[in-house]
Amino acid sequence: MTTQARTDVLNPDRRQLLSQAAMTAVAAGVASLLPLHRAEAAASGAIRPFHVSVPEEDLLDLRRRLVATRWPDREIVADQSQGIQLKTVQQLVRYWQNDYDWRKMEARLNALPQFVTDIDGIDIHFIHVRSRHENALPMIVTHGWPGSIIEQMKIVGPLTDPTAHGAKAADAFDLVIPSLPGHGFSGKPTALGWDPQRIARAWIVLMKRLGYSRYVAQGGDWGNAVTEQMAVIAPPELLGIHTNMPATVPDDIARALQPGGSRPANLSADERIAYDQLDDFYKHGLGYAIEMSNRPQTLYGLVDSPSGLASWMLDHDARSAAMIARVFDGKTEGLSRDDVIDNITLYWLTNTAVSSARLYWENKLVFFEPKHIKIPVAVSVFPDEIYAAPRSWAEKAYPKLMHYNRLDKGGHFAAWEQPALFTAEMRTAFRPLRQSI
């Protein structure tokens, strides 16, 4: 792979000219190194190697901004009810400023095969790892917000090379892990219309461009929205999907959750838990989503202050925020301090706080409403997710539910927090479909 120029790394949607780009015939594994204009690359469907190389001056600027943080007064409550506590953000910024090393993450990224390809006028960045085992099942895995491809990096080895991680060759996957448009190293849309449905269509094009005639898809958060829209489209190549944040809320429950509603009396124990989780989230946890859905461009502070960006990203859901607070208090959790800051730094260096927020503005889907999917679906329920979908709701939402399991540990960032549990779920969930490849 060749090192990209600064504008190529940080602003892939503004590339003018690709020097020494590779036009890669991925299915055949053949690459011819030819100079290629972007328009020619788009027309040909070329897949070009990608290499991350952040200029040192950008890292120095980040550190200067962290040092110059202007802090608010401390919250006047003893819990997180007013938002992310000052202590947590100060601990995070102190570590980010003095002890964190982005180059370690950069090296980990560059150890994986990364590519970009133009789809519908946008450069899509993706990791693509082919297993050394024959008959590996291809799977496209999609992140959400405030996540990124960093969420999935811990599962690459166990899924693509299972025999090196205590599993069988028959459990092998080929993995495709794209960055959503406007996120990470993918291009930033400059025109309207990049909603989950359009991204789903782009992912279908990507998998076809990579030569896959049979594959499965997985996602949580926005990744679930995109993955479920792929299942709604149901191209013949897509065998089934897996979600760790399913859209299963029945209409009567959705109505009861509206202002003035009340919890129905006839719910099972699991349904009561899910209802109460959703009720709390709608009343106290949706602030970030409402702002990004209505006024994403107003969030200028997120691209000017790394400390402000960090606090915004941490305040996604209460249980994840509490876990991250424990991490910076020195507790051992599913995520480390470096994990958390790796992800925030990616958003900072790529200047994608606002461009990623626009996906909320573009979306017109009701997030947890069932989408009438007719192909096989697998569901893994992690207890600290925004809501733990009951089996009864999942069975109604997915007529071809092929796998349902409730895990004992893990939350919103399942692959990132609990990679061993997540990997085991992928192997089990998709095993029935392997005979189709």
Protein backbone atom coordinates (compact mmCIF):
# COMPACT_ATOMS: atom_id res chain seq x y z
CA MET A 1 0.00 0.00 0.00
CA THR A 2 1.15 3.51 -0.66
CA THR A 3 1.04 6.38 1.81
CA GLN A 4 -1.69 8.82 0.87
CA ALA A 5 -1.25 12.57 0.80
CA ARG A 6 -2.80 14.53 3.65
CA THR A 7 -5.92 15.48 1.70
CA ASP A 8 -6.31 11.85 0.63
CA VAL A 9 -6.21 10.57 4.20
CA LEU A 10 -8.36 13.18 5.88
CA ASN A 11 -10.67 14.26 3.07
CA PRO A 12 -11.12 11.28 0.74
CA ASP A 13 -14.18 12.88 -0.90
CA ARG A 14 -12.07 15.77 -2.22
CA ARG A 15 -9.48 13.75 -4.05
CA GLN A 16 -8.54 15.32 -7.39
CA LEU A 17 -5.98 12.90 -8.70
CA LEU A 18 -4.84 9.45 -7.64
CA SER A 19 -1.11 9.04 -8.19
CA GLN A 20 0.15 5.47 -8.18
CA ALA A 21 -3.33 4.14 -7.42
CA ALA A 22 -4.08 0.49 -7.87
CA MET A 23 -6.92 -0.69 -10.09
CA THR A 24 -7.60 -3.92 -8.30
CA ALA A 25 -9.51 -6.86 -9.67
CA VAL A 26 -10.25 -8.17 -6.20
CA ALA A 27 -12.09 -11.33 -7.13
CA ALA A 28 -9.07 -12.51 -9.13
CA GLY A 29 -6.57 -11.08 -6.69
CA VAL A 30 -4.82 -9.18 -9.48
CA ALA A 31 -3.68 -5.55 -9.31
CA SER A 32 -2.14 -3.43 -12.03
CA LEU A 33 -0.46 -0.23 -10.89
CA LEU A 34 -1.62 2.52 -13.21
CA PRO A 35 -2.19 6.26 -12.75
CA LEU A 36 -5.94 6.70 -12.50
CA HIS A 37 -8.08 9.84 -12.40
CA ARG A 38 -10.94 9.71 -9.93
CA ALA A 39 -13.56 9.96 -12.69
CA GLU A 40 -11.95 7.00 -14.43
CA ALA A 41 -11.81 5.11 -11.14
CA ALA A 42 -15.50 5.72 -10.54
CA ALA A 43 -16.46 4.67 -14.05
CA SER A 44 -14.43 1.48 -13.86
CA GLY A 45 -15.45 0.52 -10.34
CA ALA A 46 -11.79 0.44 -9.36
CA ILE A 47 -10.77 -0.63 -5.89
CA ARG A 48 -7.71 1.24 -4.65
CA PRO A 49 -5.43 0.43 -1.72
CA PHE A 50 -5.62 2.80 1.24
CA HIS A 51 -3.03 3.63 3.88
CA VAL A 52 -3.47 5.86 6.93
CA SER A 53 -0.75 8.44 7.56
CA VAL A 54 -1.79 11.37 9.75
CA PRO A 55 0.56 14.37 9.58
CA GLU A 56 2.43 15.01 12.81
CA GLU A 57 1.30 18.64 12.77
CA ASP A 58 -2.32 17.47 13.17
CA LEU A 59 -1.42 15.49 16.28
CA LEU A 60 0.47 18.47 17.70
CA ASP A 61 -2.54 20.70 17.03
CA LEU A 62 -4.79 18.20 18.81
CA ARG A 63 -2.54 18.23 21.86
CA ARG A 64 -2.45 22.04 21.94
CA ARG A 65 -6.25 22.16 21.85
CA LEU A 66 -6.49 19.64 24.68
CA VAL A 67 -4.14 21.73 26.81
CA ALA A 68 -6.20 24.84 26.08
CA THR A 69 -9.54 23.29 27.07
CA ARG A 70 -11.85 25.75 28.81
CA TRP A 71 -13.74 23.78 31.43
CA PRO A 72 -17.32 24.36 32.62
CA ASP A 73 -18.30 24.39 36.26
CA ARG A 74 -18.80 21.01 37.89
CA GLU A 75 -22.28 19.50 37.72
CA ILE A 76 -24.41 20.19 40.80
CA VAL A 77 -25.72 16.64 41.20
CA ALA A 78 -23.94 13.50 42.37
CA ASP A 79 -24.77 11.38 39.33
CA GLN A 80 -24.87 11.62 35.51
CA SER A 81 -28.40 13.04 35.35
CA GLN A 82 -27.05 16.40 34.14
CA GLY A 83 -24.74 14.73 31.61
CA ILE A 84 -21.21 13.37 31.48
CA GLN A 85 -19.53 14.36 34.71
CA LEU A 86 -16.65 16.84 34.70
CA LYS A 87 -14.35 14.38 36.48
CA THR A 88 -14.73 11.78 33.72
CA VAL A 89 -13.98 14.19 30.89
CA GLN A 90 -11.02 15.70 32.73
CA GLN A 91 -9.61 12.22 33.36
CA LEU A 92 -10.08 11.38 29.69
CA VAL A 93 -8.47 14.60 28.45
CA ARG A 94 -5.54 14.24 30.85
CA TYR A 95 -4.82 10.75 29.51
CA TRP A 96 -5.41 11.83 25.88
CA GLN A 97 -3.03 14.75 26.27
CA ASN A 98 -0.20 13.05 28.18
CA ASP A 99 -0.25 9.28 27.61
CA TYR A 100 -2.19 8.42 24.45
CA ASP A 101 -0.38 7.45 21.23
CA TRP A 102 -2.42 7.59 17.99
CA ARG A 103 0.44 5.97 16.05
CA LYS A 104 -0.34 2.63 17.72
CA MET A 105 -3.85 2.67 16.29
CA GLU A 106 -2.55 3.87 12.95
CA ALA A 107 -0.19 0.87 12.84
CA ARG A 108 -3.03 -1.51 13.72
CA LEU A 109 -5.17 -0.07 10.93
CA ASN A 110 -2.36 -0.30 8.41
CA ALA A 111 -1.74 -3.93 9.36
CA LEU A 112 -5.15 -4.69 7.84
CA PRO A 113 -5.95 -4.59 4.10
CA GLN A 114 -7.79 -1.30 3.50
CA PHE A 115 -9.31 0.00 0.29
CA VAL A 116 -11.51 2.72 -1.18
CA THR A 117 -13.88 2.52 -4.09
CA ASP A 118 -16.27 5.06 -5.59
CA ILE A 119 -19.93 4.07 -5.30
CA ASP A 120 -22.60 6.51 -6.45
CA GLY A 121 -20.16 9.42 -6.35
CA ILE A 122 -18.78 8.75 -2.84
CA ASP A 123 -15.47 7.14 -1.95
CA ILE A 124 -16.26 4.25 0.38
CA HIS A 125 -13.42 3.16 2.66
CA PHE A 126 -13.40 -0.43 3.89
CA ILE A 127 -11.33 -3.13 5.50
CA HIS A 128 -11.38 -6.39 3.55
CA VAL A 129 -9.83 -9.52 5.04
CA ARG A 130 -10.13 -12.82 3.21
CA SER A 131 -9.77 -15.97 5.27
CA ARG A 132 -7.08 -18.50 4.38
CA HIS A 133 -9.67 -21.22 4.83
CA GLU A 134 -11.71 -22.50 1.92
CA ASN A 135 -15.46 -21.96 1.87
CA ALA A 136 -15.28 -19.03 4.27
CA LEU A 137 -18.61 -17.24 4.61
CA PRO A 138 -18.40 -13.61 3.42
CA MET A 139 -19.88 -11.11 5.85
CA ILE A 140 -20.23 -7.32 5.66
CA VAL A 141 -20.26 -5.70 9.12
CA THR A 142 -21.48 -2.13 9.61
CA HIS A 143 -20.74 0.16 12.54
CA GLY A 144 -22.94 2.89 13.98
CA TRP A 145 -22.62 6.24 15.77
CA PRO A 146 -20.62 7.14 17.79
CA GLY A 147 -18.70 4.13 16.56
CA SER A 148 -16.45 3.40 13.61
CA ILE A 149 -14.53 0.57 11.98
CA ILE A 150 -12.47 0.52 15.19
CA GLU A 151 -15.45 -1.24 16.83
CA GLN A 152 -14.89 -4.32 14.68
CA MET A 153 -11.10 -4.64 14.73
CA LYS A 154 -11.04 -7.10 17.66
CA ILE A 155 -13.21 -9.61 15.80
CA VAL A 156 -11.18 -9.69 12.57
CA GLY A 157 -8.66 -12.31 13.67
CA PRO A 158 -11.08 -14.70 15.42
CA LEU A 159 -13.58 -14.65 12.55
CA THR A 160 -11.17 -14.85 9.60
CA ASP A 161 -8.67 -17.23 11.22
CA PRO A 162 -10.75 -19.39 13.58
CA THR A 163 -8.21 -22.22 13.92
CA ALA A 164 -5.77 -19.76 15.50
CA HIS A 165 -8.45 -18.83 18.05
CA GLY A 166 -9.75 -22.19 19.24
CA ALA A 167 -12.44 -22.77 16.60
CA LYS A 168 -12.82 -24.84 13.44
CA ALA A 169 -11.94 -23.97 9.87
CA ALA A 170 -15.61 -24.50 9.04
CA ASP A 171 -16.39 -21.37 11.10
CA ALA A 172 -14.27 -19.05 8.92
CA PHE A 173 -15.54 -15.75 7.54
CA ASP A 174 -14.31 -13.32 4.93
CA LEU A 175 -14.88 -9.87 6.42
CA VAL A 176 -15.80 -6.59 4.75
CA ILE A 177 -15.95 -3.68 7.21
CA PRO A 178 -16.88 -0.36 5.55
CA SER A 179 -16.91 3.14 6.99
CA LEU A 180 -20.33 4.76 6.65
CA PRO A 181 -20.42 7.78 4.30
CA GLY A 182 -19.47 10.87 6.28
CA HIS A 183 -17.66 8.74 8.86
CA GLY A 184 -13.99 7.90 9.23
CA PHE A 185 -12.07 7.64 5.97
CA SER A 186 -15.12 7.39 3.68
CA GLY A 187 -16.14 10.39 1.63
CA LYS A 188 -18.47 13.05 2.96
CA PRO A 189 -21.70 13.44 0.96
CA THR A 190 -22.05 16.86 -0.65
CA ALA A 191 -25.61 16.25 -1.85
CA LEU A 192 -28.78 15.06 -0.12
CA GLY A 193 -30.04 11.53 0.00
CA TRP A 194 -27.47 9.42 1.82
CA ASP A 195 -29.94 7.71 4.16
CA PRO A 196 -29.83 4.08 5.38
CA GLN A 197 -31.65 2.85 2.27
CA ARG A 198 -29.09 4.41 -0.07
CA ILE A 199 -26.20 3.12 2.01
CA ALA A 200 -27.76 -0.36 1.90
CA ARG A 201 -27.83 -0.18 -1.89
CA ALA A 202 -24.20 0.93 -1.89
CA TRP A 203 -23.23 -2.02 0.30
CA ILE A 204 -24.94 -4.39 -2.13
CA VAL A 205 -22.89 -2.84 -4.94
CA LEU A 206 -19.73 -3.17 -2.85
CA MET A 207 -20.24 -6.87 -2.18
CA LYS A 208 -20.96 -7.50 -5.85
CA ARG A 209 -17.87 -5.50 -6.82
CA LEU A 210 -15.80 -7.70 -4.51
CA GLY A 211 -17.06 -10.75 -6.36
CA TYR A 212 -19.25 -12.29 -3.68
CA SER A 213 -22.20 -14.31 -5.01
CA ARG A 214 -23.34 -15.36 -1.51
CA TYR A 215 -22.87 -13.44 1.74
CA VAL A 216 -24.42 -12.39 5.05
CA ALA A 217 -24.62 -9.00 6.78
CA GLN A 218 -24.35 -7.79 10.37
CA GLY A 219 -24.89 -4.51 12.18
CA GLY A 220 -25.86 -2.64 15.32
CA ASP A 221 -27.02 0.96 15.79
CA TRP A 222 -26.93 2.60 12.31
CA GLY A 223 -25.32 -0.63 11.20
CA ASN A 224 -28.57 -2.37 12.06
CA ALA A 225 -30.61 0.19 10.11
CA VAL A 226 -28.43 -0.30 7.03
CA THR A 227 -28.30 -4.08 7.41
CA GLU A 228 -32.08 -4.34 7.81
CA GLN A 229 -32.56 -2.22 4.68
CA MET A 230 -30.29 -4.62 2.81
CA ALA A 231 -32.63 -7.38 4.00
CA VAL A 232 -35.68 -5.39 2.88
CA ILE A 233 -34.16 -5.08 -0.60
CA ALA A 234 -33.25 -8.78 -0.32
CA PRO A 235 -30.80 -9.22 -3.20
CA PRO A 236 -30.48 -12.92 -4.07
CA GLU A 237 -26.87 -12.92 -2.87
CA LEU A 238 -27.83 -11.97 0.71
CA LEU A 239 -28.49 -15.18 2.65
CA GLY A 240 -29.42 -13.65 6.00
CA ILE A 241 -28.56 -10.99 8.55
CA HIS A 242 -27.57 -10.68 12.19
CA THR A 243 -28.31 -7.75 14.49
CA ASN A 244 -27.29 -6.88 18.02
CA MET A 245 -29.69 -3.91 18.12
CA PRO A 246 -32.87 -5.18 16.48
CA ALA A 247 -35.92 -3.18 15.44
CA THR A 248 -38.71 -5.15 17.11
CA VAL A 249 -40.96 -2.75 19.02
CA PRO A 250 -44.65 -3.63 18.32
CA ASP A 251 -47.08 -0.89 17.33
CA ASP A 252 -49.05 -1.05 20.59
CA ILE A 253 -45.86 -0.69 22.63
CA ALA A 254 -44.71 2.21 20.47
CA ARG A 255 -48.03 3.97 21.10
CA ALA A 256 -47.80 3.35 24.85
CA LEU A 257 -44.32 4.90 24.88
CA GLN A 258 -45.61 8.19 23.49
CA PRO A 259 -46.04 11.12 25.92
CA GLY A 260 -49.04 10.48 28.14
CA GLY A 261 -48.90 6.72 27.57
CA SER A 262 -48.41 4.07 30.22
CA ARG A 263 -46.94 0.59 30.36
CA PRO A 264 -49.46 -2.09 29.35
CA ALA A 265 -50.44 -4.43 32.16
CA ASN A 266 -50.17 -7.70 30.25
CA LEU A 267 -46.43 -7.71 29.51
CA SER A 268 -44.10 -10.58 30.36
CA ALA A 269 -41.08 -9.99 32.61
CA ASP A 270 -38.73 -9.54 29.62
CA GLU A 271 -41.22 -7.25 27.90
CA ARG A 272 -41.54 -5.09 31.05
CA ILE A 273 -37.75 -4.71 31.20
CA ALA A 274 -37.59 -3.72 27.54
CA TYR A 275 -40.48 -1.28 27.93
CA ASP A 276 -38.88 0.40 30.94
CA GLN A 277 -35.52 0.66 29.17
CA LEU A 278 -37.14 2.30 26.15
CA ASP A 279 -39.24 4.59 28.32
CA ASP A 280 -36.14 5.84 30.12
CA PHE A 281 -34.21 6.26 26.87
CA TYR A 282 -36.99 8.24 25.18
CA LYS A 283 -37.40 10.50 28.22
CA HIS A 284 -33.76 11.03 29.17
CA GLY A 285 -31.40 9.64 26.52
CA LEU A 286 -32.48 11.00 23.15
CA GLY A 287 -31.10 14.53 23.41
CA TYR A 288 -28.09 13.95 21.16
CA ALA A 289 -30.20 12.25 18.49
CA ILE A 290 -32.85 14.98 18.50
CA GLU A 291 -30.22 17.68 17.96
CA MET A 292 -28.46 15.78 15.18
CA SER A 293 -31.78 14.91 13.54
CA ASN A 294 -32.88 18.54 13.49
CA ARG A 295 -29.79 20.77 13.46
CA PRO A 296 -26.57 18.84 12.70
CA GLN A 297 -24.85 21.88 11.22
CA THR A 298 -25.19 23.72 14.53
CA LEU A 299 -22.60 21.43 16.16
CA TYR A 300 -19.61 23.60 15.23
CA GLY A 301 -18.12 23.22 18.70
CA LEU A 302 -17.51 19.50 18.08
CA VAL A 303 -15.06 20.23 15.26
CA ASP A 304 -13.30 23.00 17.20
CA SER A 305 -12.87 21.40 20.63
CA PRO A 306 -11.64 17.82 21.06
CA SER A 307 -12.80 17.90 24.69
CA GLY A 308 -16.27 18.93 23.54
CA LEU A 309 -16.29 16.17 20.93
CA ALA A 310 -15.31 13.60 23.55
CA SER A 311 -18.09 14.58 25.97
CA TRP A 312 -20.68 14.55 23.15
CA MET A 313 -19.64 11.09 21.99
CA LEU A 314 -19.56 9.66 25.52
CA ASP A 315 -23.15 10.73 26.18
CA HIS A 316 -24.69 8.22 23.78
CA ASP A 317 -26.45 5.92 26.23
CA ALA A 318 -26.42 5.80 30.01
CA ARG A 319 -24.99 2.30 30.47
CA SER A 320 -22.13 2.83 28.00
CA ALA A 321 -21.36 6.20 29.60
CA ALA A 322 -21.27 4.63 33.06
CA MET A 323 -18.94 1.89 31.83
CA ILE A 324 -16.58 4.43 30.24
CA ALA A 325 -16.59 6.48 33.44
CA ARG A 326 -15.50 3.35 35.32
CA VAL A 327 -12.73 2.80 32.76
CA PHE A 328 -11.27 6.24 33.44
CA ASP A 329 -11.60 5.59 37.16
CA GLY A 330 -9.17 2.70 36.63
CA LYS A 331 -11.63 -0.20 36.56
CA THR A 332 -11.21 -3.11 34.13
CA GLU A 333 -14.08 -3.17 31.64
CA GLY A 334 -14.81 -4.40 28.13
CA LEU A 335 -13.21 -1.25 26.75
CA SER A 336 -9.86 0.27 27.70
CA ARG A 337 -8.94 3.95 27.88
CA ASP A 338 -7.08 3.56 24.58
CA ASP A 339 -10.14 1.93 22.98
CA VAL A 340 -12.30 4.91 23.86
CA ILE A 341 -9.78 7.53 22.77
CA ASP A 342 -8.85 5.67 19.56
CA ASN A 343 -12.43 6.09 18.39
CA ILE A 344 -12.75 9.74 19.42
CA THR A 345 -9.41 10.56 17.80
CA LEU A 346 -10.55 9.01 14.53
CA TYR A 347 -13.55 11.34 14.48
CA TRP A 348 -11.32 14.30 15.35
CA LEU A 349 -8.60 13.66 12.77
CA THR A 350 -11.08 13.03 9.96
CA ASN A 351 -13.21 16.04 10.95
CA THR A 352 -16.38 13.95 10.74
CA ALA A 353 -18.37 15.12 13.77
CA VAL A 354 -20.83 17.11 11.66
CA SER A 355 -20.76 14.98 8.50
CA SER A 356 -21.59 11.87 10.57
CA ALA A 357 -24.38 13.72 12.39
CA ARG A 358 -26.12 14.38 9.07
CA LEU A 359 -27.11 10.72 8.84
CA TYR A 360 -29.58 11.44 11.65
CA TRP A 361 -30.97 14.36 9.60
CA GLU A 362 -31.24 12.20 6.46
CA ASN A 363 -32.96 9.28 8.15
CA LYS A 364 -36.75 9.02 7.82
CA LEU A 365 -37.11 5.51 9.25
CA VAL A 366 -38.67 4.88 12.66
CA PHE A 367 -35.63 3.35 14.30
CA PHE A 368 -37.11 0.53 16.39
CA GLU A 369 -40.15 -0.14 14.20
CA PRO A 370 -40.17 -3.61 12.55
CA LYS A 371 -39.26 -3.43 8.85
CA HIS A 372 -41.10 -6.56 7.60
CA ILE A 373 -37.98 -8.53 6.73
CA LYS A 374 -38.63 -11.78 4.93
CA ILE A 375 -35.16 -13.37 4.87
CA PRO A 376 -33.49 -15.23 7.78
CA VAL A 377 -32.53 -13.06 10.76
CA ALA A 378 -30.39 -13.78 13.82
CA VAL A 379 -30.60 -11.70 17.00
CA SER A 380 -28.14 -11.43 19.87
CA VAL A 381 -29.36 -9.50 22.92
CA PHE A 382 -26.71 -7.90 25.10
CA PRO A 383 -28.09 -6.83 28.50
CA ASP A 384 -26.72 -3.27 28.55
CA GLU A 385 -27.97 -2.34 25.07
CA ILE A 386 -30.41 0.58 24.83
CA TYR A 387 -33.14 -2.02 25.12
CA ALA A 388 -32.99 -5.80 25.45
CA ALA A 389 -35.38 -7.05 22.77
CA PRO A 390 -37.60 -9.87 24.11
CA ARG A 391 -37.87 -13.08 22.13
CA SER A 392 -41.62 -12.52 21.76
CA TRP A 393 -41.05 -9.20 19.96
CA ALA A 394 -38.24 -10.64 17.84
CA GLU A 395 -40.39 -13.56 16.68
CA LYS A 396 -43.12 -11.16 15.52
CA ALA A 397 -40.69 -8.76 13.83
CA TYR A 398 -38.71 -11.47 12.02
CA PRO A 399 -40.85 -14.31 10.66
CA LYS A 400 -37.69 -16.22 9.71
CA LEU A 401 -35.90 -15.80 13.03
CA MET A 402 -33.16 -18.43 12.87
CA HIS A 403 -31.28 -17.56 16.07
CA TYR A 404 -32.07 -15.70 19.28
CA ASN A 405 -29.81 -15.55 22.29
CA ARG A 406 -29.60 -13.41 25.43
CA LEU A 407 -26.03 -12.83 26.59
CA ASP A 408 -24.96 -12.29 30.19
CA LYS A 409 -22.60 -9.40 29.54
CA GLY A 410 -22.09 -6.57 27.07
CA GLY A 411 -23.76 -3.45 25.81
CA HIS A 412 -24.18 -1.17 22.84
CA PHE A 413 -20.70 -1.69 21.36
CA ALA A 414 -20.94 -5.48 21.49
CA ALA A 415 -18.12 -6.50 19.11
CA TRP A 416 -15.81 -3.95 20.71
CA GLU A 417 -16.70 -4.65 24.36
CA GLN A 418 -17.15 -8.42 24.24
CA PRO A 419 -15.37 -9.71 21.11
CA ALA A 420 -15.25 -13.33 22.31
CA LEU A 421 -19.00 -13.46 22.98
CA PHE A 422 -19.75 -11.61 19.76
CA THR A 423 -17.53 -13.94 17.73
CA ALA A 424 -19.21 -17.00 19.20
CA GLU A 425 -22.60 -15.54 18.28
CA MET A 426 -21.55 -15.01 14.65
CA ARG A 427 -20.32 -18.58 14.35
CA THR A 428 -23.50 -20.04 15.85
CA ALA A 429 -25.99 -17.70 14.21
CA PHE A 430 -24.82 -18.19 10.64
CA ARG A 431 -23.91 -21.88 10.80
CA PRO A 432 -27.25 -22.96 9.27
CA LEU A 433 -26.61 -20.79 6.18
CA ARG A 434 -23.13 -22.06 5.35
CA GLN A 435 -24.43 -24.90 3.23
CA SER A 436 -25.69 -22.22 0.81
CA ILE A 437 -22.22 -20.91 -0.11
